Amino acid sequence: MDYVTLGRSGLKVSRACLGAMNFGTSETAPCDEAEAHRIIDAFLDAGNNFIDTANVYTGGQSEQVVGRAVKTKRESVVIATKARGLQGPGPNDVGLSRLHLTRALDASLKRLGTDYIDLYQMHHFDPDTPLEESMDTLAGFVRAGKVRYIGCSNFTGSQIVECQWAAERMNGVPLTSLQPRYSLIARDVETDVLPTAERHGLGTLIYSPIGGGMLSGKYRRGEAPAADTRLGRRMGGRPGMAGMILTDRNFEIVEAVEDVAVELGTTPVAVAIAWCLTRRGVTSVIIGPRTLQQLKDYEPGFPLQLPEEAVKRLSDASRPGGARPAATPQPAPAREPQPA
C-alpha cells in the first residue's frame, strides 16, 4: 500500500480516500448502511486508511454510518469530516463562527461515536465570519485534543493564504489540507489554488476525479443521459444542465481517455484516476462509490502507471483553454528591407 504524508505534517494517509457522501440509514440514501459497511470493510481490508465525510452528507447519517463501521478499528482509520453547512433553522446554525463550529464539532463527535477527529475541515468559505475567529476556534479544538489536524475545502488561493497568515499572527494552528474539485474535466484549480496550497504546505485530497461520472464513458454524444445515471437524476426538469456538461470539449476528453484505456487494457475510470495521481500537489484522490462493485471499478486506477506520452496526450486534450493542443507556432515571414 502506498502511503503519503498529508502536507507539512507527519500524518500518513493512503492515496485512495473513501468519500462517504452516499452513505445513509434512510430509504432515500443512495447507499444503505449494510452496503456501506461492505464498502468500508473492503476499502480498509485492502490497506487503505483514509475516509472523508461531512456533517451535511445525508443529513448527518453518513457520519453515523462511518462511525459504526469503524468502531472496532478506530485507531487505524484516519477520519476526516467537515463543517459549515446549515444544521438548523436559526441564524447561528450555519457558517464558520466560533458558536456554530463548536456546536457542529460536538454533534459530529457524537454521530461518529468517537472522542476525536483526525482531520476537521471548513467545508466552504464564510464571508460573514472573520478568518481569525474561525482559525482560532479550530486551533482551540486541536489544543483540546478533539481534533488532530485542520483543513479547508473549496477555498480559493487567496483564502488559503489569509488562513495561514491568520494562524501565524495568533500563534495558532495552520491548515494542513485542501479539498478541491479536480479532474480532467475540471482543471481550473491548477492556475492558482493548487500552487498556493503547495507553497503553504497543504496536502490536497481531490474530489470528483471522474468528472461527476462523465469520464466513466456512460454518456454518449447525441444521447440523453439515462434516468439511472447521476446526470439523468439531476437533470429531472432541468434539461439545460445537459448543455453545460455534455459539451463537445468534454466528449473530446472522454474519447481521449477511452483511447488510452483501450491501449493499456484497462478502463476509462482507472485512467482518469491515474491521471489525477500524476499531478503535482495531489496527495489523495477521493472516490465515492454507491456499491461494492463501484469500489472495485475504482481500485485499478491507483496502482496504474500511465506512460508519459499518455499523460501528455490527456493533458493536451483537457487543457482549460480548449480540448485540442495549440497549433505549432509558425516562423514569422521575413521582412523586406526598408529603404533608408
Protein backbone atom coordinates (compact mmCIF):
# COMPACT_ATOMS: atom_id res chain seq x y z
CA MET A 1 0.00 0.00 0.00
CA ASP A 2 1.23 3.46 -0.96
CA TYR A 3 1.02 5.92 1.95
CA VAL A 4 1.98 9.59 1.76
CA THR A 5 2.27 12.37 4.32
CA LEU A 6 -0.53 14.92 4.33
CA GLY A 7 1.00 18.32 3.65
CA ARG A 8 3.59 19.53 6.16
CA SER A 9 2.53 17.03 8.78
CA GLY A 10 3.58 13.60 9.92
CA LEU A 11 0.14 12.12 9.21
CA LYS A 12 0.33 9.16 6.82
CA VAL A 13 -2.69 8.62 4.58
CA SER A 14 -3.46 6.28 1.71
CA ARG A 15 -3.57 7.73 -1.78
CA ALA A 16 -7.12 6.44 -2.01
CA CYS A 17 -9.62 8.24 0.21
CA LEU A 18 -13.11 6.82 0.60
CA GLY A 19 -15.76 9.50 0.20
CA ALA A 20 -18.84 8.73 2.31
CA MET A 21 -21.26 11.22 0.76
CA ASN A 22 -23.61 8.45 -0.45
CA PHE A 23 -23.87 6.53 2.82
CA GLY A 24 -27.04 6.77 4.87
CA THR A 25 -29.55 4.99 7.04
CA SER A 26 -32.80 6.14 5.43
CA GLU A 27 -34.52 4.64 2.39
CA THR A 28 -33.70 7.75 0.37
CA ALA A 29 -29.92 7.43 0.86
CA PRO A 30 -28.05 6.40 -2.31
CA CYS A 31 -26.25 3.65 -0.36
CA ASP A 32 -27.82 1.91 2.64
CA GLU A 33 -25.90 1.08 5.78
CA ALA A 34 -25.39 -2.62 5.04
CA GLU A 35 -23.82 -1.91 1.66
CA ALA A 36 -21.81 0.98 3.12
CA HIS A 37 -20.31 -1.37 5.72
CA ARG A 38 -19.33 -3.81 2.97
CA ILE A 39 -17.66 -0.99 1.05
CA ILE A 40 -15.83 0.36 4.11
CA ASP A 41 -14.64 -3.10 5.16
CA ALA A 42 -13.34 -3.89 1.66
CA PHE A 43 -11.63 -0.49 1.42
CA LEU A 44 -9.85 -0.89 4.76
CA ASP A 45 -9.04 -4.58 4.17
CA ALA A 46 -7.18 -3.50 1.01
CA GLY A 47 -4.83 -1.48 3.23
CA ASN A 48 -6.34 1.98 2.82
CA ASN A 49 -6.85 4.13 5.91
CA PHE A 50 -8.50 7.42 4.85
CA ILE A 51 -12.27 8.14 4.97
CA ASP A 52 -13.87 11.53 4.27
CA THR A 53 -17.37 12.59 5.27
CA ALA A 54 -19.22 15.77 6.34
CA ASN A 55 -21.95 16.74 8.74
CA VAL A 56 -24.28 17.66 5.84
CA TYR A 57 -23.96 14.36 3.97
CA THR A 58 -27.34 12.57 4.01
CA GLY A 59 -28.38 14.84 6.86
CA GLY A 60 -25.71 13.54 9.25
CA GLN A 61 -26.45 9.87 8.54
CA SER A 62 -23.13 9.47 6.74
CA GLU A 63 -21.17 10.25 9.90
CA GLN A 64 -23.28 7.77 11.86
CA VAL A 65 -22.67 5.01 9.31
CA VAL A 66 -18.92 5.66 9.19
CA GLY A 67 -18.67 5.76 12.98
CA ARG A 68 -20.41 2.43 13.43
CA ALA A 69 -18.44 0.79 10.61
CA VAL A 70 -15.01 1.67 12.07
CA LYS A 71 -15.87 1.41 15.77
CA THR A 72 -13.68 -1.66 16.39
CA LYS A 73 -10.76 -0.32 14.31
CA ARG A 74 -10.90 3.39 15.09
CA GLU A 75 -7.19 3.81 15.85
CA SER A 76 -6.15 2.53 12.41
CA VAL A 77 -8.50 4.81 10.45
CA VAL A 78 -7.97 8.47 9.55
CA ILE A 79 -11.41 10.10 9.70
CA ALA A 80 -11.97 13.44 8.00
CA THR A 81 -15.20 15.40 8.30
CA LYS A 82 -16.36 18.92 7.55
CA ALA A 83 -18.48 21.73 8.98
CA ARG A 84 -20.03 24.95 7.74
CA GLY A 85 -23.36 23.88 6.23
CA LEU A 86 -26.84 24.51 7.57
CA GLN A 87 -27.66 22.48 10.68
CA GLY A 88 -30.91 24.09 11.81
CA PRO A 89 -33.35 26.99 11.35
CA GLY A 90 -31.52 29.57 13.45
CA PRO A 91 -29.15 32.31 12.26
CA ASN A 92 -26.24 30.66 14.11
CA ASP A 93 -26.90 27.20 12.66
CA VAL A 94 -24.61 27.78 9.70
CA GLY A 95 -21.17 29.23 8.99
CA LEU A 96 -17.70 29.24 10.50
CA SER A 97 -18.35 31.26 13.65
CA ARG A 98 -16.99 30.08 17.00
CA LEU A 99 -20.53 29.30 18.14
CA HIS A 100 -21.51 27.25 15.11
CA LEU A 101 -18.19 25.40 14.75
CA THR A 102 -18.26 24.39 18.42
CA ARG A 103 -21.80 23.07 18.16
CA ALA A 104 -21.03 21.33 14.87
CA LEU A 105 -17.92 19.62 16.23
CA ASP A 106 -19.73 18.28 19.28
CA ALA A 107 -22.53 16.95 17.08
CA SER A 108 -20.09 15.29 14.66
CA LEU A 109 -18.19 13.63 17.51
CA LYS A 110 -21.46 12.24 18.82
CA ARG A 111 -22.59 10.94 15.43
CA LEU A 112 -19.20 9.39 14.71
CA GLY A 113 -19.08 7.81 18.17
CA THR A 114 -15.53 9.00 18.78
CA ASP A 115 -13.78 11.48 21.04
CA TYR A 116 -11.53 12.95 18.35
CA ILE A 117 -11.49 13.71 14.61
CA ASP A 118 -8.27 13.29 12.67
CA LEU A 119 -8.93 16.00 10.07
CA TYR A 120 -11.56 18.69 10.61
CA GLN A 121 -12.24 20.84 7.55
CA MET A 122 -14.06 24.08 6.80
CA HIS A 123 -16.44 22.94 4.05
CA HIS A 124 -16.78 26.33 2.30
CA PHE A 125 -15.60 29.87 2.92
CA ASP A 126 -17.80 32.02 5.19
CA PRO A 127 -17.71 35.72 4.22
CA ASP A 128 -19.67 36.68 7.35
CA THR A 129 -17.08 35.44 9.87
CA PRO A 130 -13.55 36.84 10.30
CA LEU A 131 -10.99 34.18 9.44
CA GLU A 132 -9.18 34.98 12.69
CA GLU A 133 -12.24 33.78 14.61
CA SER A 134 -12.55 30.57 12.61
CA MET A 135 -8.85 29.74 12.76
CA ASP A 136 -8.60 30.50 16.48
CA THR A 137 -11.61 28.27 17.15
CA LEU A 138 -10.10 25.41 15.14
CA ALA A 139 -6.78 25.83 16.95
CA GLY A 140 -8.66 25.54 20.23
CA PHE A 141 -10.12 22.22 19.08
CA VAL A 142 -6.61 20.93 18.37
CA ARG A 143 -5.28 22.07 21.74
CA ALA A 144 -8.25 20.42 23.48
CA GLY A 145 -7.46 17.10 21.76
CA LYS A 146 -10.79 16.95 19.93
CA VAL A 147 -9.16 17.48 16.54
CA ARG A 148 -5.73 16.40 15.30
CA TYR A 149 -5.36 18.45 12.08
CA ILE A 150 -7.40 21.15 10.33
CA GLY A 151 -8.10 21.80 6.67
CA CYS A 152 -10.39 23.53 4.20
CA SER A 153 -12.50 22.60 1.20
CA ASN A 154 -13.43 24.68 -1.85
CA PHE A 155 -11.27 27.66 -0.78
CA THR A 156 -9.57 29.99 -3.25
CA GLY A 157 -5.85 30.63 -3.27
CA SER A 158 -6.20 33.98 -1.50
CA GLN A 159 -8.44 32.48 1.17
CA ILE A 160 -5.84 29.81 1.87
CA VAL A 161 -3.15 32.47 2.24
CA GLU A 162 -5.32 34.52 4.61
CA CYS A 163 -5.95 31.44 6.77
CA GLN A 164 -2.24 30.72 7.08
CA TRP A 165 -1.45 34.35 7.86
CA ALA A 166 -4.19 34.46 10.50
CA ALA A 167 -2.79 31.32 12.16
CA GLU A 168 0.71 32.80 12.16
CA ARG A 169 -0.41 36.13 13.65
CA MET A 170 -2.18 34.36 16.51
CA ASN A 171 0.47 31.69 17.08
CA GLY A 172 -2.24 29.25 16.12
CA VAL A 173 -2.52 26.08 14.04
CA PRO A 174 -2.08 26.31 10.26
CA LEU A 175 -4.12 24.45 7.69
CA THR A 176 -2.80 21.02 6.76
CA SER A 177 -5.05 20.18 3.82
CA LEU A 178 -7.21 21.40 0.97
CA GLN A 179 -10.11 19.55 -0.66
CA PRO A 180 -10.94 20.91 -4.15
CA ARG A 181 -12.86 19.56 -7.15
CA TYR A 182 -10.34 18.34 -9.72
CA SER A 183 -10.33 16.08 -12.77
CA LEU A 184 -9.53 16.05 -16.47
CA ILE A 185 -12.88 17.81 -16.89
CA ALA A 186 -12.32 20.47 -14.20
CA ARG A 187 -8.76 21.80 -14.09
CA ASP A 188 -9.34 25.43 -13.11
CA VAL A 189 -7.63 24.96 -9.72
CA GLU A 190 -4.29 24.41 -11.47
CA THR A 191 -3.83 28.12 -12.15
CA ASP A 192 -3.79 29.42 -8.59
CA VAL A 193 -5.33 27.12 -5.97
CA LEU A 194 -3.07 24.07 -6.24
CA PRO A 195 0.19 26.08 -6.44
CA THR A 196 -0.90 28.18 -3.45
CA ALA A 197 -1.75 25.07 -1.44
CA GLU A 198 1.64 23.56 -2.23
CA ARG A 199 3.54 26.75 -1.31
CA HIS A 200 1.72 26.95 2.01
CA GLY A 201 2.25 23.34 2.98
CA LEU A 202 -1.21 21.91 2.35
CA GLY A 203 -1.75 18.36 1.20
CA THR A 204 -4.52 18.05 -1.38
CA LEU A 205 -7.31 15.47 -1.41
CA ILE A 206 -9.24 15.99 -4.60
CA TYR A 207 -12.86 15.03 -5.19
CA SER A 208 -14.90 14.16 -8.31
CA PRO A 209 -11.91 12.62 -10.16
CA ILE A 210 -14.13 11.18 -12.89
CA GLY A 211 -15.95 14.44 -13.51
CA GLY A 212 -19.27 13.51 -11.93
CA GLY A 213 -19.35 10.27 -13.92
CA MET A 214 -18.58 11.91 -17.26
CA LEU A 215 -15.19 10.20 -17.60
CA SER A 216 -16.64 6.74 -16.97
CA GLY A 217 -17.94 6.75 -20.55
CA LYS A 218 -21.58 6.33 -19.53
CA TYR A 219 -22.69 9.39 -21.53
CA ARG A 220 -22.56 9.39 -25.33
CA ARG A 221 -22.69 12.19 -27.89
CA GLY A 222 -26.18 12.98 -29.10
CA GLU A 223 -27.88 10.79 -26.46
CA ALA A 224 -29.84 11.93 -23.42
CA PRO A 225 -28.43 10.68 -20.09
CA ALA A 226 -30.09 7.51 -18.83
CA ALA A 227 -32.53 8.07 -15.98
CA ASP A 228 -30.48 5.92 -13.58
CA THR A 229 -27.26 7.92 -14.05
CA ARG A 230 -26.21 10.79 -11.80
CA LEU A 231 -26.69 13.37 -14.53
CA GLY A 232 -30.00 11.82 -15.54
CA ARG A 233 -31.30 12.10 -11.98
CA ARG A 234 -30.03 15.66 -11.56
CA MET A 235 -31.48 16.90 -14.83
CA GLY A 236 -35.06 15.97 -13.95
CA GLY A 237 -36.91 19.08 -15.01
CA ARG A 238 -33.66 20.96 -15.77
CA PRO A 239 -32.74 19.98 -19.34
CA GLY A 240 -30.42 22.98 -19.57
CA MET A 241 -27.88 21.13 -17.43
CA ALA A 242 -27.07 18.83 -20.36
CA GLY A 243 -25.85 21.75 -22.41
CA MET A 244 -23.42 22.78 -19.68
CA ILE A 245 -21.95 19.31 -19.08
CA LEU A 246 -22.40 17.28 -22.29
CA THR A 247 -20.23 19.64 -24.33
CA ASP A 248 -18.06 18.89 -27.35
CA ARG A 249 -14.97 19.66 -25.29
CA ASN A 250 -15.93 17.21 -22.57
CA PHE A 251 -16.73 14.48 -25.09
CA GLU A 252 -13.31 15.01 -26.71
CA ILE A 253 -11.73 14.47 -23.29
CA VAL A 254 -13.82 11.34 -22.74
CA GLU A 255 -12.74 9.97 -26.11
CA ALA A 256 -9.07 10.63 -25.32
CA VAL A 257 -9.49 8.77 -22.00
CA GLU A 258 -11.20 5.87 -23.75
CA ASP A 259 -8.41 5.65 -26.34
CA VAL A 260 -5.75 5.43 -23.61
CA ALA A 261 -7.80 2.85 -21.73
CA VAL A 262 -8.02 0.62 -24.79
CA GLU A 263 -4.29 0.92 -25.42
CA LEU A 264 -3.45 -0.02 -21.83
CA GLY A 265 -6.07 -2.73 -21.50
CA THR A 266 -7.85 -1.01 -18.64
CA THR A 267 -10.96 1.12 -18.02
CA PRO A 268 -11.64 4.83 -18.52
CA VAL A 269 -12.30 5.18 -14.78
CA ALA A 270 -8.86 3.77 -13.96
CA VAL A 271 -7.20 6.10 -16.48
CA ALA A 272 -8.99 9.17 -15.10
CA ILE A 273 -7.90 8.38 -11.54
CA ALA A 274 -4.34 7.52 -12.56
CA TRP A 275 -4.02 10.86 -14.40
CA CYS A 276 -5.04 12.75 -11.25
CA LEU A 277 -2.36 10.92 -9.28
CA THR A 278 0.31 12.15 -11.71
CA ARG A 279 -0.47 15.78 -10.98
CA ARG A 280 1.87 17.78 -8.81
CA GLY A 281 0.47 18.55 -5.38
CA VAL A 282 -2.22 15.83 -5.35
CA THR A 283 -1.93 13.79 -2.16
CA SER A 284 -5.04 11.61 -2.26
CA VAL A 285 -7.96 11.01 -4.60
CA ILE A 286 -11.44 10.76 -3.09
CA ILE A 287 -13.70 8.10 -4.58
CA GLY A 288 -17.41 7.96 -3.74
CA PRO A 289 -18.86 4.53 -4.56
CA ARG A 290 -22.54 3.74 -4.05
CA THR A 291 -21.99 -0.01 -4.39
CA LEU A 292 -19.24 -2.51 -3.68
CA GLN A 293 -18.90 -3.07 -7.42
CA GLN A 294 -18.23 0.63 -7.96
CA LEU A 295 -15.47 0.45 -5.36
CA LYS A 296 -13.92 -2.43 -7.33
CA ASP A 297 -14.20 -0.33 -10.50
CA TYR A 298 -12.21 2.48 -8.89
CA GLU A 299 -9.44 0.31 -7.43
CA PRO A 300 -7.38 -0.36 -10.62
CA GLY A 301 -6.73 3.36 -11.04
CA PHE A 302 -4.46 3.62 -8.00
CA PRO A 303 -1.66 1.20 -8.99
CA LEU A 304 -1.92 2.13 -12.69
CA GLN A 305 1.20 3.85 -14.04
CA LEU A 306 0.42 5.93 -17.11
CA PRO A 307 3.17 6.26 -19.76
CA GLU A 308 4.46 9.82 -20.10
CA GLU A 309 3.10 10.01 -23.64
CA ALA A 310 -0.40 9.11 -22.39
CA VAL A 311 -0.23 11.70 -19.61
CA LYS A 312 0.75 14.38 -22.14
CA ARG A 313 -1.97 13.36 -24.56
CA LEU A 314 -4.63 13.52 -21.85
CA SER A 315 -3.30 16.82 -20.54
CA ASP A 316 -3.33 18.34 -24.02
CA ALA A 317 -6.86 17.13 -24.69
CA SER A 318 -8.16 18.57 -21.43
CA ARG A 319 -6.26 21.77 -21.00
CA PRO A 320 -8.60 24.51 -19.71
CA GLY A 321 -8.22 26.69 -22.79
CA GLY A 322 -9.79 24.09 -25.06
CA ALA A 323 -9.79 20.44 -25.95
CA ARG A 324 -7.13 20.48 -28.63
CA PRO A 325 -3.45 21.36 -28.19
CA ALA A 326 -2.38 24.69 -29.56
CA ALA A 327 -1.08 24.75 -33.11
CA THR A 328 2.68 24.73 -33.56
CA PRO A 329 3.86 28.34 -33.90
CA GLN A 330 5.00 29.19 -37.43
CA PRO A 331 8.02 31.42 -38.08
CA ALA A 332 7.15 34.97 -38.98
CA PRO A 333 7.66 35.82 -42.68
CA ALA A 334 10.90 37.60 -43.49
CA ARG A 335 10.54 41.35 -43.71
CA GLU A 336 11.73 43.10 -46.79
CA PRO A 337 14.44 45.65 -46.11
CA GLN A 338 13.06 49.16 -45.92
CA PRO A 339 14.61 51.96 -47.86
CA ALA A 340 16.83 54.26 -45.85
